Amino acid sequence: MRKHQMDLFGSGLSNGAVGAPTWLDLPAEARAALTSLMTQLILDHAAMTATPRAKEVDHDL
């Protein structure tokens, strides 16, 4: 099964979301808020899935 991703910046045709406004049809405040929320979501996800740093090996004899 292939997943479909909505193209927010494309030709303006909705891809499966009937009645969804195009990105440029949204008010500037809404675009800014959505961009901020998506950025935070991506950063939070990256922080949760990041590979932990390797611990230094102690070379004391």
N, C-alpha and C. Protein backbone atom coordinates (compact mmCIF):
# COMPACT_ATOMS: atom_id res chain seq x y z
N MET A 1 0.84 -1.18 0.00
CA MET A 1 0.00 0.00 0.00
C MET A 1 0.88 1.25 0.00
N ARG A 2 0.69 2.11 -0.95
CA ARG A 2 1.48 3.32 -1.06
C ARG A 2 0.78 4.48 -0.36
N LYS A 3 1.51 5.19 0.49
CA LYS A 3 0.94 6.34 1.19
C LYS A 3 1.06 7.57 0.31
N HIS A 4 0.10 8.47 0.45
CA HIS A 4 0.07 9.68 -0.34
C HIS A 4 0.31 10.88 0.57
N GLN A 5 1.20 11.77 0.17
CA GLN A 5 1.48 12.96 0.95
C GLN A 5 0.91 14.18 0.24
N MET A 6 0.20 15.02 0.99
CA MET A 6 -0.38 16.23 0.43
C MET A 6 0.74 17.21 0.08
N ASP A 7 0.65 17.82 -1.08
CA ASP A 7 1.62 18.80 -1.53
C ASP A 7 1.10 20.19 -1.17
N LEU A 8 1.63 20.77 -0.10
CA LEU A 8 1.15 22.07 0.37
C LEU A 8 1.56 23.21 -0.54
N PHE A 9 2.64 23.04 -1.29
CA PHE A 9 3.18 24.14 -2.08
C PHE A 9 3.05 23.89 -3.58
N GLY A 10 2.24 22.94 -3.95
CA GLY A 10 2.12 22.55 -5.35
C GLY A 10 1.20 23.44 -6.17
N SER A 11 0.55 22.83 -7.10
CA SER A 11 -0.24 23.54 -8.10
C SER A 11 -1.53 24.15 -7.56
N GLY A 12 -1.87 23.86 -6.33
CA GLY A 12 -3.09 24.40 -5.77
C GLY A 12 -4.24 23.42 -5.82
N LEU A 13 -4.06 22.29 -6.49
CA LEU A 13 -5.09 21.27 -6.52
C LEU A 13 -4.98 20.43 -5.27
N SER A 14 -6.10 20.22 -4.58
CA SER A 14 -6.04 19.41 -3.37
C SER A 14 -5.85 17.95 -3.76
N ASN A 15 -5.03 17.28 -3.02
CA ASN A 15 -4.71 15.88 -3.28
C ASN A 15 -5.41 14.99 -2.27
N GLY A 16 -6.69 14.82 -2.42
CA GLY A 16 -7.42 13.92 -1.53
C GLY A 16 -8.11 14.62 -0.38
N ALA A 17 -7.80 15.86 -0.10
CA ALA A 17 -8.45 16.59 0.97
C ALA A 17 -9.47 17.53 0.33
N VAL A 18 -10.66 17.04 0.15
CA VAL A 18 -11.71 17.79 -0.54
C VAL A 18 -12.04 19.04 0.25
N GLY A 19 -12.00 20.17 -0.43
CA GLY A 19 -12.34 21.43 0.21
C GLY A 19 -11.20 22.06 0.99
N ALA A 20 -10.03 21.41 1.04
CA ALA A 20 -8.91 21.97 1.78
C ALA A 20 -8.36 23.18 1.02
N PRO A 21 -8.08 24.28 1.72
CA PRO A 21 -7.54 25.45 1.04
C PRO A 21 -6.09 25.21 0.63
N THR A 22 -5.66 25.91 -0.38
CA THR A 22 -4.25 25.84 -0.75
C THR A 22 -3.45 26.63 0.27
N TRP A 23 -2.16 26.38 0.30
CA TRP A 23 -1.28 27.04 1.26
C TRP A 23 -1.38 28.56 1.12
N LEU A 24 -1.35 29.06 -0.10
CA LEU A 24 -1.38 30.50 -0.31
C LEU A 24 -2.75 31.12 -0.02
N ASP A 25 -3.80 30.30 0.04
CA ASP A 25 -5.13 30.80 0.39
C ASP A 25 -5.28 31.03 1.89
N LEU A 26 -4.40 30.45 2.69
CA LEU A 26 -4.46 30.63 4.13
C LEU A 26 -3.95 32.02 4.50
N PRO A 27 -4.49 32.62 5.55
CA PRO A 27 -3.98 33.91 6.01
C PRO A 27 -2.51 33.77 6.46
N ALA A 28 -1.75 34.84 6.34
CA ALA A 28 -0.33 34.81 6.72
C ALA A 28 -0.15 34.33 8.16
N GLU A 29 -1.04 34.74 9.06
CA GLU A 29 -0.93 34.33 10.46
C GLU A 29 -1.09 32.82 10.61
N ALA A 30 -2.00 32.25 9.84
CA ALA A 30 -2.21 30.80 9.90
C ALA A 30 -1.00 30.06 9.34
N ARG A 31 -0.43 30.56 8.24
CA ARG A 31 0.76 29.92 7.67
C ARG A 31 1.91 29.97 8.65
N ALA A 32 2.09 31.12 9.32
CA ALA A 32 3.17 31.26 10.30
C ALA A 32 2.96 30.32 11.48
N ALA A 33 1.73 30.23 11.97
CA ALA A 33 1.43 29.34 13.09
C ALA A 33 1.66 27.88 12.71
N LEU A 34 1.20 27.49 11.53
CA LEU A 34 1.38 26.11 11.09
C LEU A 34 2.86 25.77 10.88
N THR A 35 3.60 26.71 10.32
CA THR A 35 5.04 26.49 10.14
C THR A 35 5.73 26.31 11.48
N SER A 36 5.39 27.14 12.44
CA SER A 36 5.97 27.03 13.78
C SER A 36 5.62 25.69 14.44
N LEU A 37 4.35 25.31 14.34
CA LEU A 37 3.92 24.03 14.94
C LEU A 37 4.60 22.83 14.27
N MET A 38 4.70 22.85 12.96
CA MET A 38 5.34 21.74 12.24
C MET A 38 6.83 21.68 12.57
N THR A 39 7.48 22.84 12.69
CA THR A 39 8.90 22.88 13.07
C THR A 39 9.08 22.26 14.44
N GLN A 40 8.24 22.65 15.39
CA GLN A 40 8.35 22.10 16.75
C GLN A 40 8.09 20.60 16.76
N LEU A 41 7.12 20.14 15.98
CA LEU A 41 6.82 18.72 15.89
C LEU A 41 8.02 17.94 15.36
N ILE A 42 8.64 18.46 14.31
CA ILE A 42 9.81 17.79 13.72
C ILE A 42 10.98 17.78 14.71
N LEU A 43 11.23 18.90 15.38
CA LEU A 43 12.33 18.95 16.35
C LEU A 43 12.08 18.02 17.54
N ASP A 44 10.84 17.98 18.02
CA ASP A 44 10.51 17.06 19.13
C ASP A 44 10.70 15.61 18.70
N HIS A 45 10.28 15.28 17.49
CA HIS A 45 10.43 13.92 16.99
C HIS A 45 11.92 13.58 16.84
N ALA A 46 12.70 14.50 16.32
CA ALA A 46 14.13 14.26 16.14
C ALA A 46 14.81 14.06 17.49
N ALA A 47 14.41 14.81 18.49
CA ALA A 47 15.01 14.68 19.82
C ALA A 47 14.69 13.32 20.44
N MET A 48 13.50 12.80 20.17
CA MET A 48 13.11 11.50 20.75
C MET A 48 13.77 10.33 20.03
N THR A 49 14.08 10.50 18.76
CA THR A 49 14.61 9.38 17.98
C THR A 49 16.11 9.49 17.74
N ALA A 50 16.75 10.53 18.28
CA ALA A 50 18.19 10.71 18.07
C ALA A 50 18.98 9.58 18.73
N THR A 51 20.04 9.19 18.08
CA THR A 51 20.93 8.17 18.64
C THR A 51 21.72 8.79 19.78
N PRO A 52 21.72 8.16 20.95
CA PRO A 52 22.48 8.73 22.07
C PRO A 52 23.98 8.72 21.76
N ARG A 53 24.68 9.69 22.27
CA ARG A 53 26.12 9.76 22.06
C ARG A 53 26.80 8.61 22.77
N ALA A 54 27.85 8.12 22.14
CA ALA A 54 28.64 7.04 22.77
C ALA A 54 29.40 7.62 23.96
N LYS A 55 29.50 6.83 25.02
CA LYS A 55 30.25 7.27 26.19
C LYS A 55 31.73 7.12 25.91
N GLU A 56 32.51 8.03 26.50
CA GLU A 56 33.96 7.94 26.33
C GLU A 56 34.48 6.71 27.08
N VAL A 57 35.46 6.09 26.49
CA VAL A 57 36.08 4.95 27.13
C VAL A 57 37.17 5.48 28.05
N ASP A 58 37.21 4.97 29.27
CA ASP A 58 38.19 5.40 30.25
C ASP A 58 39.49 4.65 29.98
N HIS A 59 40.57 5.38 29.72
CA HIS A 59 41.86 4.75 29.40
C HIS A 59 42.80 4.70 30.59
N ASP A 60 42.31 5.00 31.77
CA ASP A 60 43.17 4.93 32.95
C ASP A 60 43.56 3.49 33.24
N LEU A 61 44.83 3.30 33.57
CA LEU A 61 45.31 1.94 33.90
C LEU A 61 45.40 1.74 35.36
